[in-house]
Amino acid sequence: MLILYFSRSGNTRAVAEQIHGRIGGQMIELKTVVPYPADYDALVEQAQREQKSNARPRIATEIPNLEKYDIIFIGFPNWWGTMPMPLFTLLEKYDVGNRSIIPFCTHEGSRFGRSRRDIETLCPRARLLEGFEARGSRAAGAQENVDAWLRRLGLLNA
């Protein structure tokens, strides 16, 4: 299993670590060539500009041997209704084929938005399984909910 995630504030990373702590697998953080601004307002401006222009920010992360993973968790914060644009770059660069994709996101009220539909468009042959969403402000304390979700997926014993 591969747990691939993008996290700016650390909330999505916290959920990725909770998943990894329960089921193991390889954990990879998606990083951009040019980091996003630390200042929140500057980040919002840049991320919205990228989304409006359908940009594909350059990514620094490489995923060696993607073919060895049957299940790929993809984690991200919901930015204005979908995934941050670097995930679009990644999913266009790497063909996930017919693997199982399990999305998870952090948000402050918008849940998955249209991100599941975007993943289906970017990965048309993949099998999209039940995802997990948590409010970013509650992500660090989501272990019990993460465990219940992993059990529903059949990845964690009762």
C-alpha atoms as a PDB file:
ATOM      1  CA  MET A   1       0.000   0.000   0.000  1.00  0.00           C
ATOM      2  CA  LEU A   2       1.056   3.536  -0.727  1.00  0.00           C
ATOM      3  CA  ILE A   3      -0.094   6.479   1.378  1.00  0.00           C
ATOM      4  CA  LEU A   4       0.479   9.543  -0.758  1.00  0.00           C
ATOM      5  CA  TYR A   5      -0.499  12.908   0.677  1.00  0.00           C
ATOM      6  CA  PHE A   6      -0.204  16.653   0.239  1.00  0.00           C
ATOM      7  CA  SER A   7      -0.354  18.765   3.393  1.00  0.00           C
ATOM      8  CA  ARG A   8       0.275  22.449   3.922  1.00  0.00           C
ATOM      9  CA  SER A   9      -0.773  22.939   7.534  1.00  0.00           C
ATOM     10  CA  GLY A  10      -0.089  19.426   8.824  1.00  0.00           C
ATOM     11  CA  ASN A  11      -3.725  18.335   9.151  1.00  0.00           C
ATOM     12  CA  THR A  12      -3.669  15.951   6.189  1.00  0.00           C
ATOM     13  CA  ARG A  13      -0.260  14.679   7.321  1.00  0.00           C
ATOM     14  CA  ALA A  14      -1.812  13.834  10.720  1.00  0.00           C
ATOM     15  CA  VAL A  15      -4.470  11.652   9.055  1.00  0.00           C
ATOM     16  CA  ALA A  16      -1.835  10.032   6.799  1.00  0.00           C
ATOM     17  CA  GLU A  17       0.216   9.173   9.886  1.00  0.00           C
ATOM     18  CA  GLN A  18      -2.856   7.693  11.600  1.00  0.00           C
ATOM     19  CA  ILE A  19      -3.500   5.464   8.572  1.00  0.00           C
ATOM     20  CA  HIS A  20       0.150   4.465   8.369  1.00  0.00           C
ATOM     21  CA  GLY A  21       0.294   3.717  12.092  1.00  0.00           C
ATOM     22  CA  ARG A  22      -2.522   1.200  11.725  1.00  0.00           C
ATOM     23  CA  ILE A  23      -1.835  -0.524   8.413  1.00  0.00           C
ATOM     24  CA  GLY A  24       1.753   0.319   7.466  1.00  0.00           C
ATOM     25  CA  GLY A  25       2.728   0.696   3.839  1.00  0.00           C
ATOM     26  CA  GLN A  26       4.921   3.293   2.182  1.00  0.00           C
ATOM     27  CA  MET A  27       4.219   6.930   3.043  1.00  0.00           C
ATOM     28  CA  ILE A  28       5.190   9.678   0.570  1.00  0.00           C
ATOM     29  CA  GLU A  29       4.529  13.400   0.920  1.00  0.00           C
ATOM     30  CA  LEU A  30       3.874  15.259  -2.322  1.00  0.00           C
ATOM     31  CA  LYS A  31       6.081  18.336  -2.550  1.00  0.00           C
ATOM     32  CA  THR A  32       6.161  21.049  -5.171  1.00  0.00           C
ATOM     33  CA  VAL A  33       9.347  22.366  -6.785  1.00  0.00           C
ATOM     34  CA  VAL A  34       8.431  25.850  -5.557  1.00  0.00           C
ATOM     35  CA  PRO A  35       6.967  25.613  -2.046  1.00  0.00           C
ATOM     36  CA  TYR A  36       3.701  27.322  -1.283  1.00  0.00           C
ATOM     37  CA  PRO A  37       3.932  30.536   0.756  1.00  0.00           C
ATOM     38  CA  ALA A  38       3.878  30.193   4.526  1.00  0.00           C
ATOM     39  CA  ASP A  39       1.670  33.277   4.762  1.00  0.00           C
ATOM     40  CA  TYR A  40      -1.955  32.135   4.628  1.00  0.00           C
ATOM     41  CA  ASP A  41      -3.281  35.050   2.540  1.00  0.00           C
ATOM     42  CA  ALA A  42      -0.486  34.636  -0.016  1.00  0.00           C
ATOM     43  CA  LEU A  43      -1.166  30.895  -0.131  1.00  0.00           C
ATOM     44  CA  VAL A  44      -4.888  31.462  -0.734  1.00  0.00           C
ATOM     45  CA  GLU A  45      -4.145  33.922  -3.542  1.00  0.00           C
ATOM     46  CA  GLN A  46      -1.689  31.566  -5.252  1.00  0.00           C
ATOM     47  CA  ALA A  47      -3.837  28.450  -4.876  1.00  0.00           C
ATOM     48  CA  GLN A  48      -6.949  30.194  -6.195  1.00  0.00           C
ATOM     49  CA  ARG A  49      -4.981  31.597  -9.134  1.00  0.00           C
ATOM     50  CA  GLU A  50      -3.691  28.084  -9.931  1.00  0.00           C
ATOM     51  CA  GLN A  51      -7.179  26.628  -9.797  1.00  0.00           C
ATOM     52  CA  LYS A  52      -8.728  29.356 -11.976  1.00  0.00           C
ATOM     53  CA  SER A  53      -6.027  28.895 -14.630  1.00  0.00           C
ATOM     54  CA  ASN A  54      -6.119  25.075 -14.368  1.00  0.00           C
ATOM     55  CA  ALA A  55      -2.375  25.205 -13.618  1.00  0.00           C
ATOM     56  CA  ARG A  56      -0.171  22.166 -13.144  1.00  0.00           C
ATOM     57  CA  PRO A  57       2.482  23.181 -10.592  1.00  0.00           C
ATOM     58  CA  ARG A  58       5.757  21.339 -10.989  1.00  0.00           C
ATOM     59  CA  ILE A  59       6.233  18.607  -8.403  1.00  0.00           C
ATOM     60  CA  ALA A  60       9.495  17.549  -6.800  1.00  0.00           C
ATOM     61  CA  THR A  61       8.222  14.190  -5.568  1.00  0.00           C
ATOM     62  CA  GLU A  62       9.016  11.039  -7.518  1.00  0.00           C
ATOM     63  CA  ILE A  63       7.219   7.755  -6.922  1.00  0.00           C
ATOM     64  CA  PRO A  64       9.570   4.907  -7.733  1.00  0.00           C
ATOM     65  CA  ASN A  65       8.001   1.552  -8.593  1.00  0.00           C
ATOM     66  CA  LEU A  66       4.389   2.688  -8.564  1.00  0.00           C
ATOM     67  CA  GLU A  67       3.502  -0.651 -10.152  1.00  0.00           C
ATOM     68  CA  LYS A  68       4.264  -2.504  -6.912  1.00  0.00           C
ATOM     69  CA  TYR A  69       1.324  -0.900  -5.087  1.00  0.00           C
ATOM     70  CA  ASP A  70      -2.170  -2.392  -5.361  1.00  0.00           C
ATOM     71  CA  ILE A  71      -3.806   0.182  -3.093  1.00  0.00           C
ATOM     72  CA  ILE A  72      -3.032   3.892  -3.176  1.00  0.00           C
ATOM     73  CA  PHE A  73      -4.346   6.237  -0.487  1.00  0.00           C
ATOM     74  CA  ILE A  74      -4.437   9.832  -1.744  1.00  0.00           C
ATOM     75  CA  GLY A  75      -4.730  12.523   0.924  1.00  0.00           C
ATOM     76  CA  PHE A  76      -5.207  16.244   0.511  1.00  0.00           C
ATOM     77  CA  PRO A  77      -6.819  19.344   1.957  1.00  0.00           C
ATOM     78  CA  ASN A  78      -9.932  20.453   0.081  1.00  0.00           C
ATOM     79  CA  TRP A  79      -9.062  23.749  -1.570  1.00  0.00           C
ATOM     80  CA  TRP A  80     -12.136  25.462  -3.067  1.00  0.00           C
ATOM     81  CA  GLY A  81     -14.029  22.300  -3.814  1.00  0.00           C
ATOM     82  CA  THR A  82     -11.294  19.939  -4.943  1.00  0.00           C
ATOM     83  CA  MET A  83      -7.710  18.776  -4.524  1.00  0.00           C
ATOM     84  CA  PRO A  84      -4.789  21.192  -4.655  1.00  0.00           C
ATOM     85  CA  MET A  85      -3.488  21.487  -8.216  1.00  0.00           C
ATOM     86  CA  PRO A  86      -0.196  19.617  -7.533  1.00  0.00           C
ATOM     87  CA  LEU A  87      -2.291  16.450  -7.186  1.00  0.00           C
ATOM     88  CA  PHE A  88      -3.634  17.016 -10.696  1.00  0.00           C
ATOM     89  CA  THR A  89      -0.002  17.247 -11.861  1.00  0.00           C
ATOM     90  CA  LEU A  90       0.836  13.996 -10.089  1.00  0.00           C
ATOM     91  CA  LEU A  91      -2.182  12.031 -11.313  1.00  0.00           C
ATOM     92  CA  GLU A  92      -1.526  13.132 -14.900  1.00  0.00           C
ATOM     93  CA  LYS A  93       2.157  12.196 -14.616  1.00  0.00           C
ATOM     94  CA  TYR A  94       1.631   8.718 -13.153  1.00  0.00           C
ATOM     95  CA  ASP A  95      -0.784   6.208 -14.634  1.00  0.00           C
ATOM     96  CA  VAL A  96      -2.345   4.397 -11.679  1.00  0.00           C
ATOM     97  CA  GLY A  97      -4.034   1.955 -14.044  1.00  0.00           C
ATOM     98  CA  ASN A  98      -6.667  -0.249 -12.455  1.00  0.00           C
ATOM     99  CA  ARG A  99      -5.355   0.023  -8.899  1.00  0.00           C
ATOM    100  CA  SER A 100      -7.611   0.801  -5.954  1.00  0.00           C
ATOM    101  CA  ILE A 101      -7.545   4.455  -4.923  1.00  0.00           C
ATOM    102  CA  ILE A 102      -8.722   5.449  -1.474  1.00  0.00           C
ATOM    103  CA  PRO A 103      -9.057   9.215  -1.044  1.00  0.00           C
ATOM    104  CA  PHE A 104      -8.930  11.082   2.248  1.00  0.00           C
ATOM    105  CA  CYS A 105      -9.251  14.787   2.785  1.00  0.00           C
ATOM    106  CA  THR A 106      -9.264  17.468   5.409  1.00  0.00           C
ATOM    107  CA  HIS A 107     -11.568  20.455   5.118  1.00  0.00           C
ATOM    108  CA  GLU A 108     -13.434  23.045   7.128  1.00  0.00           C
ATOM    109  CA  GLY A 109     -16.937  22.230   5.949  1.00  0.00           C
ATOM    110  CA  SER A 110     -16.766  21.365   2.263  1.00  0.00           C
ATOM    111  CA  ARG A 111     -15.974  17.643   2.640  1.00  0.00           C
ATOM    112  CA  PHE A 112     -14.828  16.080  -0.659  1.00  0.00           C
ATOM    113  CA  GLY A 113     -16.457  18.690  -2.884  1.00  0.00           C
ATOM    114  CA  ARG A 114     -15.858  17.589  -6.481  1.00  0.00           C
ATOM    115  CA  SER A 115     -12.506  15.924  -5.757  1.00  0.00           C
ATOM    116  CA  ARG A 116     -13.850  12.366  -6.118  1.00  0.00           C
ATOM    117  CA  ARG A 117     -15.187  13.238  -9.578  1.00  0.00           C
ATOM    118  CA  ASP A 118     -11.825  14.822 -10.447  1.00  0.00           C
ATOM    119  CA  ILE A 119      -9.983  11.667  -9.350  1.00  0.00           C
ATOM    120  CA  GLU A 120     -12.322   9.549 -11.494  1.00  0.00           C
ATOM    121  CA  THR A 121     -11.575  11.793 -14.487  1.00  0.00           C
ATOM    122  CA  LEU A 122      -7.812  11.689 -13.914  1.00  0.00           C
ATOM    123  CA  CYS A 123      -7.742   7.942 -13.156  1.00  0.00           C
ATOM    124  CA  PRO A 124     -10.521   6.470 -15.323  1.00  0.00           C
ATOM    125  CA  ARG A 125      -9.490   2.816 -14.927  1.00  0.00           C
ATOM    126  CA  ALA A 126      -8.876   2.970 -11.175  1.00  0.00           C
ATOM    127  CA  ARG A 127     -11.265   1.534  -8.630  1.00  0.00           C
ATOM    128  CA  LEU A 128     -12.270   4.415  -6.329  1.00  0.00           C
ATOM    129  CA  LEU A 129     -13.100   3.112  -2.857  1.00  0.00           C
ATOM    130  CA  GLU A 130     -14.856   4.746   0.096  1.00  0.00           C
ATOM    131  CA  GLY A 131     -12.994   7.824   1.215  1.00  0.00           C
ATOM    132  CA  PHE A 132     -12.501   9.488   4.572  1.00  0.00           C
ATOM    133  CA  GLU A 133     -12.963  13.139   5.389  1.00  0.00           C
ATOM    134  CA  ALA A 134     -12.276  15.078   8.551  1.00  0.00           C
ATOM    135  CA  ARG A 135     -12.403  18.694   9.528  1.00  0.00           C
ATOM    136  CA  GLY A 136      -8.864  19.977   9.567  1.00  0.00           C
ATOM    137  CA  SER A 137      -9.330  21.364  13.064  1.00  0.00           C
ATOM    138  CA  ARG A 138     -10.182  17.828  14.259  1.00  0.00           C
ATOM    139  CA  ALA A 139      -7.703  15.833  12.161  1.00  0.00           C
ATOM    140  CA  ALA A 140      -5.194  15.230  14.954  1.00  0.00           C
ATOM    141  CA  GLY A 141      -7.895  13.561  17.056  1.00  0.00           C
ATOM    142  CA  ALA A 142      -9.477  11.498  14.275  1.00  0.00           C
ATOM    143  CA  GLN A 143      -7.847   8.121  15.038  1.00  0.00           C
ATOM    144  CA  GLU A 144     -11.070   6.453  16.238  1.00  0.00           C
ATOM    145  CA  ASN A 145     -12.891   7.535  13.061  1.00  0.00           C
ATOM    146  CA  VAL A 146      -9.928   6.522  10.888  1.00  0.00           C
ATOM    147  CA  ASP A 147      -9.952   3.079  12.526  1.00  0.00           C
ATOM    148  CA  ALA A 148     -13.687   2.626  11.881  1.00  0.00           C
ATOM    149  CA  TRP A 149     -13.199   3.598   8.228  1.00  0.00           C
ATOM    150  CA  LEU A 150     -10.249   1.215   7.782  1.00  0.00           C
ATOM    151  CA  ARG A 151     -12.370  -1.586   9.293  1.00  0.00           C
ATOM    152  CA  ARG A 152     -15.200  -0.840   6.811  1.00  0.00           C
ATOM    153  CA  LEU A 153     -12.656  -1.125   4.005  1.00  0.00           C
ATOM    154  CA  GLY A 154     -11.510  -4.481   5.399  1.00  0.00           C
ATOM    155  CA  LEU A 155      -7.990  -3.192   6.012  1.00  0.00           C
ATOM    156  CA  LEU A 156      -8.054  -3.289   9.809  1.00  0.00           C
ATOM    157  CA  ASN A 157      -9.258  -6.167  11.946  1.00  0.00           C
ATOM    158  CA  ALA A 158     -11.918  -5.514  14.582  1.00  0.00           C
END
